[in-house]
Amino acid sequence: MTTVAEALRPVRAELIRRAEADAAATLAEADRAAETTLAEAQGRAEAIMAEARARGAAEGRAVRAAGRARTRRAARESRLRGQRKIYDELLRRVLAALPEVRATPGYPGLRAELAAQARATLGPQARLSEPPGGGIIAQLDGRRVDYSLETLARQAVDALAAELEELWTP
């Protein structure tokens, strides 16, 4: 006679087989889900990396462009400082030479021409005076013309500066 354990052996074997099959199916499904999750995560990671690379490249371009702009600005400022230094030195030399103009034999004639120009501008009643540096200053009815040697020299250097600008322009 068979014992209960022997009689249940085929049932037990079937239950174990089904449990193993269910476990294998569950593991296979878990593996597929893990592979899908891993593939999705990998795709997201690649997208994040691509976006980060694109941002990095864009930021790098922006940084390089800003650096080039700073360099161009610094070069222009340096060039302008050099030009200003030349202009200032030219003006200094011209103004320093004005006493020599007053000492020339032609100065009285120049002064007379400046006086005539002042009277032509303001009228024959204009009051004329000679500033300490030479030339003529004329006034009439609140109007004033300044033909002092210093003013004329500054105007001449300013006019010359415009011509010098052409020399500095590539």
Protein backbone atom coordinates (compact mmCIF):
# COMPACT_ATOMS: atom_id res chain seq x y z
CA MET A 1 0.00 0.00 0.00
CA THR A 2 1.14 3.36 -0.80
CA THR A 3 1.65 5.90 1.71
CA VAL A 4 0.17 9.37 1.54
CA ALA A 5 3.58 10.83 0.83
CA GLU A 6 4.03 8.51 -2.10
CA ALA A 7 0.57 9.31 -3.37
CA LEU A 8 1.24 13.03 -3.20
CA ARG A 9 4.63 12.80 -4.88
CA PRO A 10 3.26 13.47 -8.43
CA VAL A 11 1.19 16.39 -7.12
CA ARG A 12 4.20 17.75 -5.31
CA ALA A 13 6.36 17.35 -8.42
CA GLU A 14 3.74 19.15 -10.51
CA LEU A 15 3.54 22.00 -7.98
CA ILE A 16 7.32 22.34 -7.95
CA ARG A 17 7.42 22.28 -11.77
CA ARG A 18 4.72 24.98 -11.96
CA ALA A 19 6.45 27.08 -9.30
CA GLU A 20 9.73 26.79 -11.18
CA ALA A 21 7.97 27.69 -14.46
CA ASP A 22 6.26 30.67 -12.79
CA ALA A 23 9.57 31.75 -11.25
CA ALA A 24 11.31 31.42 -14.63
CA ALA A 25 8.54 33.42 -16.32
CA THR A 26 8.68 36.08 -13.58
CA LEU A 27 12.48 36.25 -13.87
CA ALA A 28 12.24 36.51 -17.66
CA GLU A 29 9.66 39.29 -17.35
CA ALA A 30 11.82 41.05 -14.74
CA ASP A 31 14.84 40.73 -17.06
CA ARG A 32 12.84 42.25 -19.96
CA ALA A 33 11.59 45.07 -17.72
CA ALA A 34 15.13 45.70 -16.47
CA GLU A 35 16.46 45.72 -20.05
CA THR A 36 13.71 48.15 -21.09
CA THR A 37 14.38 50.39 -18.06
CA LEU A 38 18.12 50.21 -18.69
CA ALA A 39 17.64 51.07 -22.40
CA GLU A 40 15.39 54.00 -21.48
CA ALA A 41 17.88 55.23 -18.88
CA GLN A 42 20.72 54.86 -21.38
CA GLY A 43 18.71 56.85 -23.95
CA ARG A 44 17.98 59.59 -21.40
CA ALA A 45 21.64 59.66 -20.35
CA GLU A 46 22.75 59.96 -23.98
CA ALA A 47 20.23 62.77 -24.55
CA ILE A 48 21.43 64.57 -21.41
CA MET A 49 25.05 64.15 -22.49
CA ALA A 50 24.26 65.44 -26.00
CA GLU A 51 22.45 68.44 -24.55
CA ALA A 52 25.33 69.09 -22.13
CA ARG A 53 27.83 68.90 -25.00
CA ALA A 54 25.72 71.30 -27.06
CA ARG A 55 25.42 73.72 -24.14
CA GLY A 56 29.13 73.45 -23.45
CA ALA A 57 29.94 74.14 -27.09
CA ALA A 58 27.56 77.11 -27.15
CA GLU A 59 28.99 78.48 -23.91
CA GLY A 60 32.50 77.96 -25.27
CA ARG A 61 31.61 79.91 -28.42
CA ALA A 62 30.11 82.69 -26.29
CA VAL A 63 33.19 82.83 -24.07
CA ARG A 64 35.50 82.93 -27.11
CA ALA A 65 33.40 85.67 -28.73
CA ALA A 66 33.45 87.73 -25.53
CA GLY A 67 37.22 87.23 -25.28
CA ARG A 68 37.72 88.37 -28.87
CA ALA A 69 35.53 91.42 -28.23
CA ARG A 70 37.56 92.29 -25.11
CA THR A 71 40.78 91.90 -27.07
CA ARG A 72 39.52 94.13 -29.90
CA ARG A 73 38.31 96.72 -27.37
CA ALA A 74 41.66 96.68 -25.54
CA ALA A 75 43.56 97.03 -28.82
CA ARG A 76 41.37 99.96 -29.89
CA GLU A 77 41.80 101.66 -26.50
CA SER A 78 45.55 101.21 -26.74
CA ARG A 79 45.59 102.63 -30.27
CA LEU A 80 43.46 105.60 -29.18
CA ARG A 81 45.75 106.26 -26.21
CA GLY A 82 48.73 106.26 -28.58
CA GLN A 83 46.98 108.62 -30.97
CA ARG A 84 46.00 110.92 -28.10
CA LYS A 85 49.59 110.94 -26.87
CA ILE A 86 50.80 111.98 -30.33
CA TYR A 87 48.09 114.65 -30.57
CA ASP A 88 48.93 116.03 -27.12
CA GLU A 89 52.64 116.14 -27.93
CA LEU A 90 51.98 117.93 -31.23
CA LEU A 91 49.77 120.48 -29.47
CA ARG A 92 52.37 120.98 -26.72
CA ARG A 93 55.08 121.65 -29.29
CA VAL A 94 52.92 124.04 -31.32
CA LEU A 95 51.93 126.01 -28.21
CA ALA A 96 55.54 126.09 -27.05
CA ALA A 97 56.55 127.64 -30.39
CA LEU A 98 54.05 130.54 -30.13
CA PRO A 99 56.49 132.94 -28.40
CA GLU A 100 58.78 132.50 -31.41
CA VAL A 101 55.91 133.60 -33.69
CA ARG A 102 55.52 136.83 -31.71
CA ALA A 103 59.25 137.48 -32.02
CA THR A 104 59.28 137.26 -35.84
CA PRO A 105 59.35 140.40 -37.98
CA GLY A 106 56.10 139.29 -39.63
CA TYR A 107 54.10 139.29 -36.38
CA PRO A 108 52.94 142.93 -36.55
CA GLY A 109 51.52 142.27 -40.02
CA LEU A 110 49.80 139.09 -38.79
CA ARG A 111 48.37 141.05 -35.84
CA ALA A 112 47.06 143.73 -38.23
CA GLU A 113 45.40 141.04 -40.43
CA LEU A 114 43.78 139.47 -37.36
CA ALA A 115 42.49 142.88 -36.25
CA ALA A 116 41.05 143.53 -39.72
CA GLN A 117 39.35 140.12 -39.70
CA ALA A 118 37.92 140.79 -36.23
CA ARG A 119 36.51 144.18 -37.35
CA ALA A 120 35.11 142.56 -40.49
CA THR A 121 33.37 139.96 -38.32
CA LEU A 122 32.03 142.26 -35.55
CA GLY A 123 32.09 145.70 -37.13
CA PRO A 124 34.42 148.73 -37.09
CA GLN A 125 33.43 149.71 -33.52
CA ALA A 126 34.71 146.40 -32.07
CA ARG A 127 37.05 146.81 -29.10
CA LEU A 128 40.32 145.03 -29.77
CA SER A 129 42.77 143.71 -27.22
CA GLU A 130 45.87 141.59 -27.38
CA PRO A 131 45.93 138.62 -25.00
CA PRO A 132 49.20 137.80 -23.18
CA GLY A 133 50.08 135.05 -25.66
CA GLY A 134 49.54 137.24 -28.73
CA GLY A 135 46.88 137.62 -31.40
CA ILE A 136 43.62 139.59 -31.13
CA ILE A 137 40.42 139.33 -29.11
CA ALA A 138 37.53 141.54 -30.26
CA GLN A 139 34.26 142.39 -28.48
CA LEU A 140 31.16 144.31 -29.45
CA ASP A 141 27.68 144.28 -27.93
CA GLY A 142 28.18 141.03 -26.02
CA ARG A 143 29.68 139.25 -29.01
CA ARG A 144 33.28 138.13 -28.98
CA VAL A 145 35.76 136.70 -31.46
CA ASP A 146 38.93 135.05 -30.29
CA TYR A 147 41.84 135.28 -32.70
CA SER A 148 44.45 134.70 -30.01
CA LEU A 149 47.50 132.81 -31.19
CA GLU A 150 46.73 130.00 -28.73
CA THR A 151 43.16 129.57 -29.99
CA LEU A 152 44.27 129.70 -33.61
CA ALA A 153 47.06 127.19 -32.89
CA ARG A 154 44.59 124.81 -31.17
CA GLN A 155 42.18 125.10 -34.11
CA ALA A 156 45.01 124.38 -36.55
CA VAL A 157 46.11 121.32 -34.59
CA ASP A 158 42.49 120.11 -34.37
CA ALA A 159 42.14 120.48 -38.15
CA LEU A 160 45.44 118.66 -38.60
CA ALA A 161 44.22 115.89 -36.27
CA ALA A 162 41.45 115.08 -38.73
CA GLU A 163 44.07 114.65 -41.45
CA LEU A 164 46.23 112.57 -39.09
CA GLU A 165 43.23 110.28 -38.52
CA GLU A 166 43.50 109.28 -42.18
CA LEU A 167 47.11 108.23 -41.57
CA TRP A 168 46.05 106.05 -38.62
CA THR A 169 43.21 104.38 -40.49
CA PRO A 170 44.30 101.16 -42.21
